Amino acid sequence: MDLADALRNAFPDHEPEETVASNEEKSFDFYVHTTPTLQCCYEKRKGKATTVIKSYQGTPADFKKLASAIKKKFNIGGGIKSDDIVIQGDYREVIMSFLKECGFTVKRVGG
């Protein structure tokens, strides 16, 4: 007798919920622009490593939502400065994979 049988015997009136398929489309709060390629750069600013995302074509509100989504996803600091998203630390690989999941085309620039 396995765990599923034991639970069915313990709770005979329980109806299991149907699971939602994991292949659903992901929806994001920001507009995914695919024509220009985003550039993911590594820079040193004031002696510290930073990841800079450039070339986003969209509204400023969507740009802020994208920066916020990246910072919340990876629990990192950063901000927006002169049409670039500046992230504290070298997070190029994980940010590039996240942006590709979102539907962006991303190019690694530098180092």
N, C-alpha and C. Protein backbone atom coordinates (compact mmCIF):
# COMPACT_ATOMS: atom_id res chain seq x y z
N MET A 1 0.85 -1.17 0.00
CA MET A 1 0.00 0.00 0.00
C MET A 1 0.90 1.24 0.00
N ASP A 2 0.67 2.10 -0.97
CA ASP A 2 1.49 3.29 -1.04
C ASP A 2 0.77 4.48 -0.40
N LEU A 3 1.40 5.63 -0.45
CA LEU A 3 0.87 6.82 0.20
C LEU A 3 -0.46 7.26 -0.41
N ALA A 4 -0.60 7.17 -1.72
CA ALA A 4 -1.83 7.58 -2.38
C ALA A 4 -3.01 6.72 -1.92
N ASP A 5 -2.79 5.42 -1.81
CA ASP A 5 -3.86 4.53 -1.33
C ASP A 5 -4.20 4.83 0.13
N ALA A 6 -3.21 5.10 0.94
CA ALA A 6 -3.45 5.42 2.35
C ALA A 6 -4.27 6.70 2.48
N LEU A 7 -3.96 7.69 1.65
CA LEU A 7 -4.72 8.95 1.70
C LEU A 7 -6.15 8.75 1.22
N ARG A 8 -6.33 7.93 0.18
CA ARG A 8 -7.69 7.66 -0.30
C ARG A 8 -8.51 6.96 0.77
N ASN A 9 -7.90 6.03 1.51
CA ASN A 9 -8.60 5.33 2.58
C ASN A 9 -8.91 6.26 3.75
N ALA A 10 -7.99 7.18 4.04
CA ALA A 10 -8.19 8.10 5.17
C ALA A 10 -9.23 9.16 4.85
N PHE A 11 -9.29 9.61 3.61
CA PHE A 11 -10.22 10.66 3.20
C PHE A 11 -11.01 10.19 1.98
N PRO A 12 -12.02 9.36 2.17
CA PRO A 12 -12.74 8.80 1.02
C PRO A 12 -13.61 9.83 0.29
N ASP A 13 -14.01 10.90 0.95
CA ASP A 13 -14.88 11.89 0.31
C ASP A 13 -14.10 12.96 -0.46
N HIS A 14 -12.79 12.95 -0.35
CA HIS A 14 -11.97 13.99 -0.98
C HIS A 14 -11.88 13.78 -2.49
N GLU A 15 -12.14 14.85 -3.24
CA GLU A 15 -12.02 14.84 -4.70
C GLU A 15 -10.74 15.57 -5.06
N PRO A 16 -9.76 14.94 -5.68
CA PRO A 16 -8.52 15.64 -6.03
C PRO A 16 -8.77 16.70 -7.11
N GLU A 17 -8.06 17.83 -6.96
CA GLU A 17 -8.19 18.92 -7.94
C GLU A 17 -7.42 18.55 -9.19
N GLU A 18 -7.91 19.04 -10.32
CA GLU A 18 -7.21 18.81 -11.57
C GLU A 18 -6.01 19.73 -11.63
N THR A 19 -4.88 19.19 -12.04
CA THR A 19 -3.68 20.00 -12.13
C THR A 19 -3.70 20.81 -13.42
N VAL A 20 -3.14 22.00 -13.34
CA VAL A 20 -3.07 22.88 -14.49
C VAL A 20 -1.84 22.50 -15.29
N ALA A 21 -1.98 22.48 -16.60
CA ALA A 21 -0.86 22.11 -17.46
C ALA A 21 0.26 23.12 -17.32
N SER A 22 1.49 22.65 -17.27
CA SER A 22 2.64 23.55 -17.09
C SER A 22 3.10 24.16 -18.41
N ASN A 23 2.45 23.83 -19.51
CA ASN A 23 2.85 24.35 -20.82
C ASN A 23 2.11 25.64 -21.17
N GLU A 24 1.55 26.32 -20.19
CA GLU A 24 0.81 27.54 -20.47
C GLU A 24 1.77 28.65 -20.89
N GLU A 25 1.26 29.60 -21.68
CA GLU A 25 2.03 30.76 -22.08
C GLU A 25 2.31 31.61 -20.86
N LYS A 26 3.52 32.11 -20.75
CA LYS A 26 3.85 33.03 -19.67
C LYS A 26 3.46 34.43 -20.11
N SER A 27 2.86 35.17 -19.19
CA SER A 27 2.51 36.54 -19.53
C SER A 27 3.36 37.47 -18.67
N PHE A 28 3.83 38.54 -19.29
CA PHE A 28 4.69 39.49 -18.61
C PHE A 28 4.01 40.85 -18.62
N ASP A 29 4.39 41.70 -17.68
CA ASP A 29 3.81 43.02 -17.57
C ASP A 29 4.42 44.00 -18.55
N PHE A 30 5.48 43.63 -19.21
CA PHE A 30 6.17 44.53 -20.11
C PHE A 30 6.06 44.01 -21.54
N TYR A 31 6.23 44.93 -22.49
CA TYR A 31 6.13 44.59 -23.90
C TYR A 31 7.44 43.97 -24.37
N VAL A 32 7.37 42.85 -25.03
CA VAL A 32 8.55 42.17 -25.54
C VAL A 32 8.80 42.62 -26.97
N HIS A 33 9.86 43.36 -27.17
CA HIS A 33 10.25 43.87 -28.48
C HIS A 33 11.32 42.95 -29.03
N THR A 34 11.11 42.38 -30.19
CA THR A 34 12.08 41.41 -30.72
C THR A 34 12.93 41.96 -31.84
N THR A 35 12.58 43.11 -32.42
CA THR A 35 13.36 43.58 -33.57
C THR A 35 14.78 44.00 -33.20
N PRO A 36 15.01 44.95 -32.29
CA PRO A 36 16.41 45.22 -31.97
C PRO A 36 16.90 44.22 -30.92
N THR A 37 18.13 43.82 -31.05
CA THR A 37 18.71 42.88 -30.11
C THR A 37 19.16 43.64 -28.87
N LEU A 38 18.80 43.11 -27.69
CA LEU A 38 19.27 43.70 -26.45
C LEU A 38 20.73 43.35 -26.27
N GLN A 39 21.49 44.28 -25.74
CA GLN A 39 22.90 44.05 -25.49
C GLN A 39 23.12 43.91 -24.00
N CYS A 40 23.76 42.85 -23.59
CA CYS A 40 24.07 42.60 -22.20
C CYS A 40 25.58 42.77 -22.03
N CYS A 41 25.98 43.84 -21.35
CA CYS A 41 27.39 44.21 -21.24
C CYS A 41 27.89 44.07 -19.80
N TYR A 42 29.18 43.87 -19.69
CA TYR A 42 29.86 43.87 -18.39
C TYR A 42 30.72 45.12 -18.34
N GLU A 43 30.56 45.91 -17.28
CA GLU A 43 31.36 47.11 -17.11
C GLU A 43 31.82 47.21 -15.67
N LYS A 44 32.88 47.97 -15.47
CA LYS A 44 33.31 48.30 -14.12
C LYS A 44 33.00 49.77 -13.91
N ARG A 45 32.22 50.06 -12.90
CA ARG A 45 31.88 51.44 -12.55
C ARG A 45 32.33 51.69 -11.12
N LYS A 46 33.19 52.66 -10.97
CA LYS A 46 33.77 53.00 -9.65
C LYS A 46 34.42 51.77 -9.02
N GLY A 47 35.06 50.94 -9.83
CA GLY A 47 35.78 49.78 -9.34
C GLY A 47 34.92 48.57 -9.05
N LYS A 48 33.61 48.65 -9.30
CA LYS A 48 32.73 47.52 -9.00
C LYS A 48 32.13 46.97 -10.29
N ALA A 49 31.89 45.68 -10.29
CA ALA A 49 31.33 45.01 -11.47
C ALA A 49 29.85 45.36 -11.62
N THR A 50 29.45 45.66 -12.85
CA THR A 50 28.04 45.93 -13.14
C THR A 50 27.66 45.24 -14.45
N THR A 51 26.40 44.88 -14.55
CA THR A 51 25.83 44.34 -15.78
C THR A 51 24.92 45.42 -16.35
N VAL A 52 25.10 45.76 -17.61
CA VAL A 52 24.33 46.83 -18.24
C VAL A 52 23.55 46.24 -19.41
N ILE A 53 22.25 46.52 -19.45
CA ILE A 53 21.40 46.06 -20.54
C ILE A 53 21.03 47.28 -21.36
N LYS A 54 21.36 47.23 -22.66
CA LYS A 54 21.16 48.37 -23.55
C LYS A 54 20.25 48.00 -24.71
N SER A 55 19.80 49.01 -25.43
CA SER A 55 19.06 48.89 -26.69
C SER A 55 17.63 48.42 -26.54
N TYR A 56 16.96 48.73 -25.43
CA TYR A 56 15.55 48.36 -25.30
C TYR A 56 14.71 49.39 -26.04
N GLN A 57 13.83 48.92 -26.90
CA GLN A 57 12.94 49.78 -27.66
C GLN A 57 11.52 49.58 -27.15
N GLY A 58 11.03 50.51 -26.43
CA GLY A 58 9.69 50.41 -25.87
C GLY A 58 9.38 51.65 -25.06
N THR A 59 8.24 51.64 -24.42
CA THR A 59 7.84 52.80 -23.62
C THR A 59 8.66 52.84 -22.33
N PRO A 60 8.82 54.01 -21.75
CA PRO A 60 9.55 54.11 -20.48
C PRO A 60 8.89 53.30 -19.36
N ALA A 61 7.56 53.20 -19.37
CA ALA A 61 6.88 52.42 -18.34
C ALA A 61 7.23 50.94 -18.46
N ASP A 62 7.26 50.41 -19.68
CA ASP A 62 7.65 49.01 -19.89
C ASP A 62 9.11 48.79 -19.54
N PHE A 63 9.94 49.79 -19.82
CA PHE A 63 11.36 49.71 -19.49
C PHE A 63 11.54 49.58 -17.98
N LYS A 64 10.78 50.35 -17.21
CA LYS A 64 10.85 50.28 -15.75
C LYS A 64 10.33 48.94 -15.24
N LYS A 65 9.28 48.42 -15.88
CA LYS A 65 8.73 47.12 -15.47
C LYS A 65 9.72 46.00 -15.74
N LEU A 66 10.43 46.09 -16.87
CA LEU A 66 11.44 45.08 -17.18
C LEU A 66 12.57 45.12 -16.16
N ALA A 67 13.04 46.32 -15.82
CA ALA A 67 14.11 46.45 -14.82
C ALA A 67 13.64 45.91 -13.48
N SER A 68 12.43 46.21 -13.11
CA SER A 68 11.87 45.74 -11.85
C SER A 68 11.74 44.22 -11.84
N ALA A 69 11.31 43.64 -12.95
CA ALA A 69 11.16 42.19 -13.04
C ALA A 69 12.51 41.48 -12.90
N ILE A 70 13.54 42.05 -13.51
CA ILE A 70 14.88 41.45 -13.40
C ILE A 70 15.37 41.53 -11.96
N LYS A 71 15.20 42.68 -11.33
CA LYS A 71 15.69 42.85 -9.97
C LYS A 71 14.94 41.95 -8.99
N LYS A 72 13.64 41.80 -9.17
CA LYS A 72 12.86 40.94 -8.28
C LYS A 72 13.16 39.47 -8.50
N LYS A 73 13.35 39.09 -9.75
CA LYS A 73 13.60 37.68 -10.07
C LYS A 73 14.88 37.17 -9.41
N PHE A 74 15.93 37.99 -9.41
CA PHE A 74 17.23 37.54 -8.92
C PHE A 74 17.62 38.18 -7.59
N ASN A 75 16.74 38.98 -6.99
CA ASN A 75 17.01 39.64 -5.71
C ASN A 75 18.33 40.40 -5.73
N ILE A 76 18.45 41.28 -6.71
CA ILE A 76 19.67 42.07 -6.87
C ILE A 76 19.31 43.53 -6.97
N GLY A 77 20.27 44.39 -6.74
CA GLY A 77 20.05 45.83 -6.82
C GLY A 77 20.40 46.35 -8.19
N GLY A 78 19.90 47.51 -8.47
CA GLY A 78 20.19 48.14 -9.75
C GLY A 78 19.23 49.27 -9.99
N GLY A 79 19.27 49.81 -11.19
CA GLY A 79 18.40 50.92 -11.53
C GLY A 79 18.49 51.25 -13.00
N ILE A 80 17.86 52.36 -13.35
CA ILE A 80 17.84 52.82 -14.73
C ILE A 80 18.66 54.09 -14.81
N LYS A 81 19.57 54.15 -15.75
CA LYS A 81 20.40 55.33 -15.92
C LYS A 81 20.63 55.56 -17.41
N SER A 82 20.20 56.67 -17.90
CA SER A 82 20.37 57.10 -19.30
C SER A 82 20.02 55.99 -20.30
N ASP A 83 18.79 55.52 -20.23
CA ASP A 83 18.25 54.51 -21.15
C ASP A 83 18.96 53.16 -21.08
N ASP A 84 19.58 52.85 -19.98
CA ASP A 84 20.21 51.56 -19.74
C ASP A 84 19.71 51.01 -18.41
N ILE A 85 19.64 49.70 -18.31
CA ILE A 85 19.36 49.06 -17.03
C ILE A 85 20.71 48.66 -16.45
N VAL A 86 21.03 49.19 -15.29
CA VAL A 86 22.31 48.93 -14.64
C VAL A 86 22.05 48.03 -13.43
N ILE A 87 22.67 46.85 -13.43
CA ILE A 87 22.50 45.87 -12.37
C ILE A 87 23.82 45.73 -11.62
N GLN A 88 23.75 45.71 -10.30
CA GLN A 88 24.95 45.58 -9.48
C GLN A 88 25.45 44.14 -9.53
N GLY A 89 26.69 43.96 -9.96
CA GLY A 89 27.30 42.64 -10.02
C GLY A 89 27.31 42.08 -11.43
N ASP A 90 28.03 40.98 -11.59
CA ASP A 90 28.15 40.33 -12.89
C ASP A 90 27.12 39.19 -12.97
N TYR A 91 25.96 39.49 -13.53
CA TYR A 91 24.87 38.52 -13.64
C TYR A 91 24.49 38.31 -15.11
N ARG A 92 25.45 38.40 -16.01
CA ARG A 92 25.14 38.33 -17.44
C ARG A 92 24.45 37.03 -17.83
N GLU A 93 24.96 35.91 -17.38
CA GLU A 93 24.42 34.61 -17.81
C GLU A 93 22.97 34.43 -17.37
N VAL A 94 22.67 34.68 -16.11
CA VAL A 94 21.31 34.45 -15.62
C VAL A 94 20.33 35.47 -16.19
N ILE A 95 20.79 36.71 -16.38
CA ILE A 95 19.91 37.73 -16.95
C ILE A 95 19.63 37.42 -18.42
N MET A 96 20.66 36.98 -19.15
CA MET A 96 20.46 36.64 -20.55
C MET A 96 19.49 35.46 -20.71
N SER A 97 19.59 34.47 -19.85
CA SER A 97 18.67 33.33 -19.94
C SER A 97 17.25 33.76 -19.59
N PHE A 98 17.09 34.66 -18.61
CA PHE A 98 15.76 35.17 -18.26
C PHE A 98 15.16 35.97 -19.42
N LEU A 99 15.96 36.82 -20.05
CA LEU A 99 15.46 37.62 -21.17
C LEU A 99 15.10 36.74 -22.36
N LYS A 100 15.85 35.66 -22.58
CA LYS A 100 15.51 34.74 -23.67
C LYS A 100 14.21 34.01 -23.37
N GLU A 101 13.97 33.66 -22.10
CA GLU A 101 12.70 33.05 -21.71
C GLU A 101 11.53 34.00 -21.96
N CYS A 102 11.79 35.29 -21.78
CA CYS A 102 10.74 36.30 -21.99
C CYS A 102 10.45 36.50 -23.48
N GLY A 103 11.38 36.14 -24.34
CA GLY A 103 11.15 36.28 -25.76
C GLY A 103 12.04 37.31 -26.45
N PHE A 104 12.96 37.90 -25.72
CA PHE A 104 13.89 38.87 -26.29
C PHE A 104 15.02 38.14 -27.02
N THR A 105 15.63 38.84 -27.97
CA THR A 105 16.87 38.34 -28.54
C THR A 105 17.99 39.12 -27.84
N VAL A 106 18.95 38.39 -27.31
CA VAL A 106 19.99 39.00 -26.47
C VAL A 106 21.36 38.67 -27.04
N LYS A 107 22.24 39.67 -26.99
CA LYS A 107 23.59 39.50 -27.48
C LYS A 107 24.56 39.87 -26.35
N ARG A 108 25.55 39.02 -26.12
CA ARG A 108 26.54 39.29 -25.08
C ARG A 108 27.62 40.17 -25.69
N VAL A 109 27.89 41.30 -25.04
CA VAL A 109 28.86 42.26 -25.54
C VAL A 109 29.97 42.42 -24.51
N GLY A 110 31.21 42.35 -24.96
CA GLY A 110 32.35 42.54 -24.07
C GLY A 110 32.66 41.31 -23.25
N GLY A 111 33.86 41.30 -22.69
CA GLY A 111 34.39 40.28 -21.81
C GLY A 111 33.76 38.99 -21.86
